[in-house]
């Protein structure tokens, strides 16, 4: 029990069982993750040790309950279909900032996810803001309307792929797409939505970015007139506004960053940090 759904826990258990030559299964339920494994005593003991010691970074294991049963003679280890349980409750991971592996794909011109803003894997991406019910599975999220293409499905089914059972898995062929519209809802012309949006920011426009958790209003932070217009529209004359900066190196040109603040900015949670 704990934060063990939406953090790559089932793929982790699958690989851990393979490493220890154990057979059985793992599944999500509405209240926990259930695991049944068979093997020799030493392997089972090492499995339990590694389960706690090597858990995914975003997992938070609160309690492990172990019960011994007569063996069933399983021939392999499987990820079973999730079990929905009436009245049970399960903690779900918050959204996780884009990991370095996914960033490399986004900025690699030869990768099929080049420039795709919704790139994610079991180590990062949306969690809490897309889930509608537990257990955490794609049909229980807002991603259910996007059927995976053969390539994404292959990644999802491959135990050795970091997108193994990544519920929001998607690519430009099968996932959500960006569009840019004006204040009347009419499309704005441009082959590259992000590039066009950037150009609008540079000339002082304000963009309303519809994200997973709602709308974010954005303008060029170096454009005083645009910032004042944003403050006027938000009716926020003095309260600080969050500033987005591309890299930590750029942040350090403008702010003093302590070791703890650096750790937070580079963490999977990647929260808004107040700097001097």
C-alpha atoms as a PDB file:
ATOM      1  CA  UNK A   1       0.000   0.000   0.000  1.00  0.00           C
ATOM      2  CA  UNK A   2       1.009   3.604  -0.579  1.00  0.00           C
ATOM      3  CA  UNK A   3       1.682   5.561  -3.773  1.00  0.00           C
ATOM      4  CA  UNK A   4       2.156   2.489  -5.962  1.00  0.00           C
ATOM      5  CA  UNK A   5      -0.036   3.229  -8.977  1.00  0.00           C
ATOM      6  CA  UNK A   6       0.997   5.512 -11.800  1.00  0.00           C
ATOM      7  CA  UNK A   7       4.681   5.234 -10.890  1.00  0.00           C
ATOM      8  CA  UNK A   8       5.727   2.237 -13.001  1.00  0.00           C
ATOM      9  CA  UNK A   9       5.266  -0.163 -10.104  1.00  0.00           C
ATOM     10  CA  UNK A  10       3.783  -3.124 -11.993  1.00  0.00           C
ATOM     11  CA  UNK A  11       6.518  -3.072 -14.670  1.00  0.00           C
ATOM     12  CA  UNK A  12       9.055  -2.810 -11.839  1.00  0.00           C
ATOM     13  CA  UNK A  13       7.560  -5.874 -10.119  1.00  0.00           C
ATOM     14  CA  UNK A  14       7.497  -7.748 -13.430  1.00  0.00           C
ATOM     15  CA  UNK A  15      11.195  -7.132 -14.036  1.00  0.00           C
ATOM     16  CA  UNK A  16      12.054  -7.853 -10.404  1.00  0.00           C
ATOM     17  CA  UNK A  17      10.298 -11.229 -10.618  1.00  0.00           C
ATOM     18  CA  UNK A  18      12.246 -12.003 -13.795  1.00  0.00           C
ATOM     19  CA  UNK A  19      15.524 -11.081 -12.092  1.00  0.00           C
ATOM     20  CA  UNK A  20      14.795 -13.482  -9.224  1.00  0.00           C
ATOM     21  CA  UNK A  21      13.355 -16.214 -11.447  1.00  0.00           C
ATOM     22  CA  UNK A  22       9.955 -16.061  -9.769  1.00  0.00           C
ATOM     23  CA  UNK A  23       6.573 -16.989 -11.263  1.00  0.00           C
ATOM     24  CA  UNK A  24       3.150 -15.588 -10.495  1.00  0.00           C
ATOM     25  CA  UNK A  25       1.379 -12.287 -11.090  1.00  0.00           C
ATOM     26  CA  UNK A  26       0.877  -8.646 -10.131  1.00  0.00           C
ATOM     27  CA  UNK A  27      -2.239  -6.476 -10.456  1.00  0.00           C
ATOM     28  CA  UNK A  28      -3.639  -3.131  -9.415  1.00  0.00           C
ATOM     29  CA  UNK A  29      -6.722  -3.063  -7.243  1.00  0.00           C
ATOM     30  CA  UNK A  30      -8.793  -0.127  -6.049  1.00  0.00           C
ATOM     31  CA  UNK A  31      -6.965  -0.225  -2.709  1.00  0.00           C
ATOM     32  CA  UNK A  32      -3.448  -1.549  -3.345  1.00  0.00           C
ATOM     33  CA  UNK A  33      -1.124  -3.515  -5.603  1.00  0.00           C
ATOM     34  CA  UNK A  34      -1.403  -7.289  -5.139  1.00  0.00           C
ATOM     35  CA  UNK A  35       1.472  -9.640  -5.941  1.00  0.00           C
ATOM     36  CA  UNK A  36       1.665 -13.420  -5.878  1.00  0.00           C
ATOM     37  CA  UNK A  37       5.067 -14.988  -6.474  1.00  0.00           C
ATOM     38  CA  UNK A  38       6.451 -18.531  -6.315  1.00  0.00           C
ATOM     39  CA  UNK A  39      10.070 -19.638  -6.043  1.00  0.00           C
ATOM     40  CA  UNK A  40      12.697 -20.897  -3.644  1.00  0.00           C
ATOM     41  CA  UNK A  41      12.955 -19.358  -0.179  1.00  0.00           C
ATOM     42  CA  UNK A  42      16.137 -17.359  -0.835  1.00  0.00           C
ATOM     43  CA  UNK A  43      14.718 -15.841  -4.024  1.00  0.00           C
ATOM     44  CA  UNK A  44      11.503 -14.849  -2.262  1.00  0.00           C
ATOM     45  CA  UNK A  45      13.433 -13.205   0.580  1.00  0.00           C
ATOM     46  CA  UNK A  46      15.629 -11.265  -1.853  1.00  0.00           C
ATOM     47  CA  UNK A  47      12.539 -10.267  -3.829  1.00  0.00           C
ATOM     48  CA  UNK A  48      10.966  -8.729  -0.719  1.00  0.00           C
ATOM     49  CA  UNK A  49      14.195  -6.892   0.125  1.00  0.00           C
ATOM     50  CA  UNK A  50      14.551  -5.477  -3.386  1.00  0.00           C
ATOM     51  CA  UNK A  51      10.854  -4.600  -3.562  1.00  0.00           C
ATOM     52  CA  UNK A  52      11.458  -1.959  -0.888  1.00  0.00           C
ATOM     53  CA  UNK A  53      15.053  -1.045  -1.704  1.00  0.00           C
ATOM     54  CA  UNK A  54      14.749  -0.659  -5.492  1.00  0.00           C
ATOM     55  CA  UNK A  55      11.195   0.669  -5.889  1.00  0.00           C
ATOM     56  CA  UNK A  56      10.596   3.318  -8.595  1.00  0.00           C
ATOM     57  CA  UNK A  57      11.664   6.843  -7.563  1.00  0.00           C
ATOM     58  CA  UNK A  58       8.118   8.198  -7.338  1.00  0.00           C
ATOM     59  CA  UNK A  59       6.738   5.202  -5.421  1.00  0.00           C
ATOM     60  CA  UNK A  60       6.007   5.628  -1.719  1.00  0.00           C
ATOM     61  CA  UNK A  61       5.519   2.248  -0.052  1.00  0.00           C
ATOM     62  CA  UNK A  62       3.654   2.641   3.231  1.00  0.00           C
ATOM     63  CA  UNK A  63       3.148  -1.019   4.065  1.00  0.00           C
ATOM     64  CA  UNK A  64       3.978  -4.471   2.709  1.00  0.00           C
ATOM     65  CA  UNK A  65       1.884  -7.403   3.928  1.00  0.00           C
ATOM     66  CA  UNK A  66       3.243 -10.883   3.166  1.00  0.00           C
ATOM     67  CA  UNK A  67       1.267 -14.127   3.535  1.00  0.00           C
ATOM     68  CA  UNK A  68       2.468 -17.596   2.552  1.00  0.00           C
ATOM     69  CA  UNK A  69       0.218 -19.977   0.599  1.00  0.00           C
ATOM     70  CA  UNK A  70       0.696 -23.426  -0.978  1.00  0.00           C
ATOM     71  CA  UNK A  71       2.253 -23.035  -4.476  1.00  0.00           C
ATOM     72  CA  UNK A  72      -0.011 -23.027  -7.541  1.00  0.00           C
ATOM     73  CA  UNK A  73       2.658 -24.071 -10.017  1.00  0.00           C
ATOM     74  CA  UNK A  74       2.631 -20.913 -12.160  1.00  0.00           C
ATOM     75  CA  UNK A  75       4.535 -21.286 -15.448  1.00  0.00           C
ATOM     76  CA  UNK A  76       5.367 -17.580 -15.896  1.00  0.00           C
ATOM     77  CA  UNK A  77       5.001 -14.142 -14.359  1.00  0.00           C
ATOM     78  CA  UNK A  78       2.171 -11.935 -15.647  1.00  0.00           C
ATOM     79  CA  UNK A  79       0.565  -8.535 -15.175  1.00  0.00           C
ATOM     80  CA  UNK A  80      -3.074  -9.330 -14.624  1.00  0.00           C
ATOM     81  CA  UNK A  81      -6.097  -7.188 -15.394  1.00  0.00           C
ATOM     82  CA  UNK A  82      -6.811  -4.706 -12.592  1.00  0.00           C
ATOM     83  CA  UNK A  83      -9.434  -5.496  -9.963  1.00  0.00           C
ATOM     84  CA  UNK A  84     -12.037  -2.861  -9.155  1.00  0.00           C
ATOM     85  CA  UNK A  85     -13.222  -2.968  -5.534  1.00  0.00           C
ATOM     86  CA  UNK A  86     -16.216  -1.092  -4.176  1.00  0.00           C
ATOM     87  CA  UNK A  87     -15.401   1.384  -1.403  1.00  0.00           C
ATOM     88  CA  UNK A  88     -11.601   1.009  -1.600  1.00  0.00           C
ATOM     89  CA  UNK A  89      -9.239   3.976  -1.890  1.00  0.00           C
ATOM     90  CA  UNK A  90      -5.813   4.248  -3.502  1.00  0.00           C
ATOM     91  CA  UNK A  91      -3.303   7.092  -3.445  1.00  0.00           C
ATOM     92  CA  UNK A  92      -2.359   8.212  -6.947  1.00  0.00           C
ATOM     93  CA  UNK A  93       0.928   9.809  -7.956  1.00  0.00           C
ATOM     94  CA  UNK A  94       0.938  13.506  -8.845  1.00  0.00           C
ATOM     95  CA  UNK A  95       1.992  14.470 -12.359  1.00  0.00           C
ATOM     96  CA  UNK A  96       5.721  13.993 -12.955  1.00  0.00           C
ATOM     97  CA  UNK A  97       7.972  16.387 -14.879  1.00  0.00           C
ATOM     98  CA  UNK A  98       9.297  15.187 -18.233  1.00  0.00           C
ATOM     99  CA  UNK A  99      12.285  12.899 -17.661  1.00  0.00           C
ATOM    100  CA  UNK A 100      15.664  13.287 -19.384  1.00  0.00           C
ATOM    101  CA  UNK A 101      15.066  10.280 -21.669  1.00  0.00           C
ATOM    102  CA  UNK A 102      11.827  11.774 -22.988  1.00  0.00           C
ATOM    103  CA  UNK A 103      13.440  15.201 -23.373  1.00  0.00           C
ATOM    104  CA  UNK A 104      16.146  13.668 -25.568  1.00  0.00           C
ATOM    105  CA  UNK A 105      13.442  12.174 -27.802  1.00  0.00           C
ATOM    106  CA  UNK A 106      11.534  15.455 -28.020  1.00  0.00           C
ATOM    107  CA  UNK A 107      14.645  17.335 -29.180  1.00  0.00           C
ATOM    108  CA  UNK A 108      16.077  14.622 -31.446  1.00  0.00           C
ATOM    109  CA  UNK A 109      15.225  15.403 -35.118  1.00  0.00           C
ATOM    110  CA  UNK A 110      15.429  11.718 -36.104  1.00  0.00           C
ATOM    111  CA  UNK A 111      13.095  10.483 -33.360  1.00  0.00           C
ATOM    112  CA  UNK A 112       9.438   9.909 -34.274  1.00  0.00           C
ATOM    113  CA  UNK A 113       8.459  11.891 -31.166  1.00  0.00           C
ATOM    114  CA  UNK A 114      10.547  14.911 -32.238  1.00  0.00           C
ATOM    115  CA  UNK A 115       8.766  18.047 -31.066  1.00  0.00           C
ATOM    116  CA  UNK A 116       5.847  16.101 -29.592  1.00  0.00           C
ATOM    117  CA  UNK A 117       4.802  17.941 -26.389  1.00  0.00           C
ATOM    118  CA  UNK A 118       2.834  15.037 -24.889  1.00  0.00           C
ATOM    119  CA  UNK A 119       5.791  12.602 -24.787  1.00  0.00           C
ATOM    120  CA  UNK A 120       5.876  10.529 -21.600  1.00  0.00           C
ATOM    121  CA  UNK A 121       6.891   7.147 -20.166  1.00  0.00           C
ATOM    122  CA  UNK A 122       6.514   5.152 -16.944  1.00  0.00           C
ATOM    123  CA  UNK A 123       8.963   7.573 -15.278  1.00  0.00           C
ATOM    124  CA  UNK A 124       7.199  10.824 -16.145  1.00  0.00           C
ATOM    125  CA  UNK A 125       4.104  12.512 -17.484  1.00  0.00           C
ATOM    126  CA  UNK A 126       0.515  13.074 -16.364  1.00  0.00           C
ATOM    127  CA  UNK A 127      -0.990  10.968 -13.585  1.00  0.00           C
ATOM    128  CA  UNK A 128      -3.367  12.649 -11.132  1.00  0.00           C
ATOM    129  CA  UNK A 129      -4.804  15.140 -13.627  1.00  0.00           C
ATOM    130  CA  UNK A 130      -5.881  12.495 -16.156  1.00  0.00           C
ATOM    131  CA  UNK A 131      -7.291   9.833 -13.823  1.00  0.00           C
ATOM    132  CA  UNK A 132     -11.045   9.587 -13.406  1.00  0.00           C
ATOM    133  CA  UNK A 133     -11.270   6.427 -11.293  1.00  0.00           C
ATOM    134  CA  UNK A 134      -9.136   3.701  -9.749  1.00  0.00           C
ATOM    135  CA  UNK A 135      -7.468   1.301 -10.347  1.00  0.00           C
ATOM    136  CA  UNK A 136      -5.102   3.365 -12.503  1.00  0.00           C
ATOM    137  CA  UNK A 137      -5.473   1.988 -16.036  1.00  0.00           C
ATOM    138  CA  UNK A 138      -5.854   3.745 -19.392  1.00  0.00           C
ATOM    139  CA  UNK A 139      -9.624   3.059 -19.673  1.00  0.00           C
ATOM    140  CA  UNK A 140     -10.025   4.897 -16.344  1.00  0.00           C
ATOM    141  CA  UNK A 141      -8.259   8.025 -17.648  1.00  0.00           C
ATOM    142  CA  UNK A 142      -8.938  10.777 -20.157  1.00  0.00           C
ATOM    143  CA  UNK A 143      -6.485   8.994 -22.502  1.00  0.00           C
ATOM    144  CA  UNK A 144      -8.986   6.219 -23.205  1.00  0.00           C
ATOM    145  CA  UNK A 145     -10.242   7.996 -26.336  1.00  0.00           C
ATOM    146  CA  UNK A 146      -6.767   7.753 -27.914  1.00  0.00           C
ATOM    147  CA  UNK A 147      -6.149   4.257 -29.255  1.00  0.00           C
ATOM    148  CA  UNK A 148      -2.444   3.472 -29.385  1.00  0.00           C
ATOM    149  CA  UNK A 149      -0.823   2.994 -32.788  1.00  0.00           C
ATOM    150  CA  UNK A 150       1.067  -0.281 -33.427  1.00  0.00           C
ATOM    151  CA  UNK A 151       4.416   1.270 -32.404  1.00  0.00           C
ATOM    152  CA  UNK A 152       3.075   2.676 -29.122  1.00  0.00           C
ATOM    153  CA  UNK A 153       1.274  -0.599 -28.431  1.00  0.00           C
ATOM    154  CA  UNK A 154       4.538  -2.482 -28.992  1.00  0.00           C
ATOM    155  CA  UNK A 155       6.276  -0.242 -26.430  1.00  0.00           C
ATOM    156  CA  UNK A 156       3.385  -0.692 -24.001  1.00  0.00           C
ATOM    157  CA  UNK A 157       3.574  -4.503 -24.288  1.00  0.00           C
ATOM    158  CA  UNK A 158       7.379  -4.839 -24.152  1.00  0.00           C
ATOM    159  CA  UNK A 159       8.673  -5.617 -20.608  1.00  0.00           C
ATOM    160  CA  UNK A 160      12.108  -4.275 -21.568  1.00  0.00           C
ATOM    161  CA  UNK A 161      10.773  -0.923 -22.810  1.00  0.00           C
ATOM    162  CA  UNK A 162      10.527   2.029 -20.440  1.00  0.00           C
ATOM    163  CA  UNK A 163       6.969   2.579 -21.720  1.00  0.00           C
ATOM    164  CA  UNK A 164       5.900  -0.890 -20.607  1.00  0.00           C
ATOM    165  CA  UNK A 165       2.398  -0.342 -19.191  1.00  0.00           C
ATOM    166  CA  UNK A 166       2.768   3.456 -19.385  1.00  0.00           C
ATOM    167  CA  UNK A 167      -0.920   4.373 -19.354  1.00  0.00           C
ATOM    168  CA  UNK A 168      -0.634   7.822 -21.070  1.00  0.00           C
ATOM    169  CA  UNK A 169       1.696   6.470 -23.792  1.00  0.00           C
ATOM    170  CA  UNK A 170       1.184   8.301 -27.100  1.00  0.00           C
ATOM    171  CA  UNK A 171       2.958   9.745 -30.118  1.00  0.00           C
ATOM    172  CA  UNK A 172       2.079  12.181 -32.953  1.00  0.00           C
ATOM    173  CA  UNK A 173       0.319   9.388 -34.849  1.00  0.00           C
ATOM    174  CA  UNK A 174      -2.118   8.363 -32.123  1.00  0.00           C
ATOM    175  CA  UNK A 175      -2.114  10.857 -29.262  1.00  0.00           C
ATOM    176  CA  UNK A 176      -3.466  14.326 -28.470  1.00  0.00           C
ATOM    177  CA  UNK A 177      -2.490  17.148 -30.825  1.00  0.00           C
ATOM    178  CA  UNK A 178      -1.984  20.872 -30.366  1.00  0.00           C
ATOM    179  CA  UNK A 179      -4.086  23.518 -32.040  1.00  0.00           C
ATOM    180  CA  UNK A 180      -3.955  27.300 -31.904  1.00  0.00           C
ATOM    181  CA  UNK A 181      -7.078  29.468 -32.013  1.00  0.00           C
ATOM    182  CA  UNK A 182      -7.809  33.157 -31.546  1.00  0.00           C
ATOM    183  CA  UNK A 183     -10.068  34.691 -28.898  1.00  0.00           C
ATOM    184  CA  UNK A 184     -13.104  33.868 -31.041  1.00  0.00           C
ATOM    185  CA  UNK A 185     -12.154  30.223 -31.312  1.00  0.00           C
ATOM    186  CA  UNK A 186     -11.113  30.424 -34.957  1.00  0.00           C
ATOM    187  CA  UNK A 187      -7.933  28.552 -35.994  1.00  0.00           C
ATOM    188  CA  UNK A 188      -4.731  30.566 -36.421  1.00  0.00           C
ATOM    189  CA  UNK A 189      -2.759  29.576 -39.499  1.00  0.00           C
ATOM    190  CA  UNK A 190       0.680  28.043 -39.078  1.00  0.00           C
ATOM    191  CA  UNK A 191       2.237  24.643 -39.708  1.00  0.00           C
ATOM    192  CA  UNK A 192       4.060  24.638 -36.346  1.00  0.00           C
ATOM    193  CA  UNK A 193       1.758  25.504 -33.445  1.00  0.00           C
ATOM    194  CA  UNK A 194       4.563  25.955 -30.897  1.00  0.00           C
ATOM    195  CA  UNK A 195       6.648  28.138 -33.215  1.00  0.00           C
ATOM    196  CA  UNK A 196       3.622  30.282 -34.087  1.00  0.00           C
ATOM    197  CA  UNK A 197       2.709  30.576 -30.408  1.00  0.00           C
ATOM    198  CA  UNK A 198       6.261  31.680 -29.638  1.00  0.00           C
ATOM    199  CA  UNK A 199       6.076  34.348 -32.308  1.00  0.00           C
ATOM    200  CA  UNK A 200       2.838  35.670 -30.806  1.00  0.00           C
ATOM    201  CA  UNK A 201       4.468  35.898 -27.364  1.00  0.00           C
ATOM    202  CA  UNK A 202       7.389  37.847 -28.838  1.00  0.00           C
ATOM    203  CA  UNK A 203       5.043  40.528 -30.188  1.00  0.00           C
ATOM    204  CA  UNK A 204       3.334  41.007 -26.814  1.00  0.00           C
ATOM    205  CA  UNK A 205       0.345  38.697 -27.100  1.00  0.00           C
ATOM    206  CA  UNK A 206      -1.103  36.731 -24.172  1.00  0.00           C
ATOM    207  CA  UNK A 207      -1.732  33.027 -24.671  1.00  0.00           C
ATOM    208  CA  UNK A 208      -4.174  30.873 -22.730  1.00  0.00           C
ATOM    209  CA  UNK A 209      -2.602  27.420 -22.619  1.00  0.00           C
ATOM    210  CA  UNK A 210      -5.082  24.640 -21.989  1.00  0.00           C
ATOM    211  CA  UNK A 211      -3.174  22.019 -20.024  1.00  0.00           C
ATOM    212  CA  UNK A 212      -3.988  18.883 -18.102  1.00  0.00           C
ATOM    213  CA  UNK A 213      -4.984  20.816 -15.005  1.00  0.00           C
ATOM    214  CA  UNK A 214      -6.764  23.781 -16.589  1.00  0.00           C
ATOM    215  CA  UNK A 215      -5.695  27.010 -18.314  1.00  0.00           C
ATOM    216  CA  UNK A 216      -2.395  28.834 -17.826  1.00  0.00           C
ATOM    217  CA  UNK A 217      -2.104  32.450 -19.010  1.00  0.00           C
ATOM    218  CA  UNK A 218       1.309  33.255 -20.443  1.00  0.00           C
ATOM    219  CA  UNK A 219       3.174  36.261 -21.822  1.00  0.00           C
ATOM    220  CA  UNK A 220       6.781  37.315 -22.441  1.00  0.00           C
ATOM    221  CA  UNK A 221       8.171  38.014 -18.939  1.00  0.00           C
ATOM    222  CA  UNK A 222      10.669  40.501 -20.401  1.00  0.00           C
ATOM    223  CA  UNK A 223       7.912  42.570 -22.011  1.00  0.00           C
ATOM    224  CA  UNK A 224       6.740  45.048 -19.352  1.00  0.00           C
ATOM    225  CA  UNK A 225       3.691  46.149 -21.351  1.00  0.00           C
ATOM    226  CA  UNK A 226       2.562  42.527 -21.854  1.00  0.00           C
ATOM    227  CA  UNK A 227       3.090  41.756 -18.150  1.00  0.00           C
ATOM    228  CA  UNK A 228       1.036  44.794 -17.111  1.00  0.00           C
ATOM    229  CA  UNK A 229      -1.735  43.760 -19.507  1.00  0.00           C
ATOM    230  CA  UNK A 230      -1.703  40.260 -18.019  1.00  0.00           C
ATOM    231  CA  UNK A 231      -1.889  41.687 -14.495  1.00  0.00           C
ATOM    232  CA  UNK A 232      -4.811  43.872 -15.535  1.00  0.00           C
ATOM    233  CA  UNK A 233      -6.704  40.958 -17.056  1.00  0.00           C
ATOM    234  CA  UNK A 234      -6.033  38.731 -14.058  1.00  0.00           C
ATOM    235  CA  UNK A 235      -6.864  41.580 -11.658  1.00  0.00           C
ATOM    236  CA  UNK A 236      -3.561  40.869  -9.970  1.00  0.00           C
ATOM    237  CA  UNK A 237      -1.770  44.226  -9.626  1.00  0.00           C
ATOM    238  CA  UNK A 238       0.917  43.200  -7.124  1.00  0.00           C
ATOM    239  CA  UNK A 239       0.885  39.475  -6.363  1.00  0.00           C
ATOM    240  CA  UNK A 240       3.929  37.689  -7.863  1.00  0.00           C
ATOM    241  CA  UNK A 241       3.593  35.725 -11.086  1.00  0.00           C
ATOM    242  CA  UNK A 242       5.415  32.451 -11.787  1.00  0.00           C
ATOM    243  CA  UNK A 243       8.228  32.730 -14.342  1.00  0.00           C
ATOM    244  CA  UNK A 244       9.175  29.868 -16.673  1.00  0.00           C
ATOM    245  CA  UNK A 245      12.876  29.541 -17.563  1.00  0.00           C
ATOM    246  CA  UNK A 246      14.236  26.975 -20.001  1.00  0.00           C
ATOM    247  CA  UNK A 247      17.345  25.775 -18.147  1.00  0.00           C
ATOM    248  CA  UNK A 248      18.913  25.874 -14.700  1.00  0.00           C
ATOM    249  CA  UNK A 249      21.900  27.694 -16.205  1.00  0.00           C
ATOM    250  CA  UNK A 250      19.576  30.474 -17.347  1.00  0.00           C
ATOM    251  CA  UNK A 251      17.940  30.607 -13.902  1.00  0.00           C
ATOM    252  CA  UNK A 252      21.360  31.134 -12.301  1.00  0.00           C
ATOM    253  CA  UNK A 253      21.921  34.203 -14.490  1.00  0.00           C
ATOM    254  CA  UNK A 254      19.035  35.917 -12.712  1.00  0.00           C
ATOM    255  CA  UNK A 255      18.733  34.268  -9.276  1.00  0.00           C
ATOM    256  CA  UNK A 256      20.727  32.864  -6.371  1.00  0.00           C
ATOM    257  CA  UNK A 257      20.120  29.096  -6.255  1.00  0.00           C
ATOM    258  CA  UNK A 258      20.946  27.105  -3.108  1.00  0.00           C
ATOM    259  CA  UNK A 259      21.765  23.365  -3.233  1.00  0.00           C
ATOM    260  CA  UNK A 260      18.283  22.548  -1.887  1.00  0.00           C
ATOM    261  CA  UNK A 261      16.584  24.811  -4.438  1.00  0.00           C
ATOM    262  CA  UNK A 262      18.676  23.234  -7.190  1.00  0.00           C
ATOM    263  CA  UNK A 263      17.564  19.782  -6.032  1.00  0.00           C
ATOM    264  CA  UNK A 264      13.907  20.820  -6.157  1.00  0.00           C
ATOM    265  CA  UNK A 265      14.207  22.341  -9.642  1.00  0.00           C
ATOM    266  CA  UNK A 266      15.835  19.158 -10.947  1.00  0.00           C
ATOM    267  CA  UNK A 267      13.504  16.738  -9.110  1.00  0.00           C
ATOM    268  CA  UNK A 268      10.761  14.660 -10.785  1.00  0.00           C
ATOM    269  CA  UNK A 269       8.170  16.849  -9.039  1.00  0.00           C
ATOM    270  CA  UNK A 270       9.782  20.016 -10.479  1.00  0.00           C
ATOM    271  CA  UNK A 271       7.664  22.402  -8.344  1.00  0.00           C
ATOM    272  CA  UNK A 272       7.460  26.186  -8.541  1.00  0.00           C
ATOM    273  CA  UNK A 273      10.364  27.412  -6.370  1.00  0.00           C
ATOM    274  CA  UNK A 274      10.605  30.876  -4.803  1.00  0.00           C
ATOM    275  CA  UNK A 275      14.128  32.228  -5.444  1.00  0.00           C
ATOM    276  CA  UNK A 276      16.039  35.329  -4.448  1.00  0.00           C
END
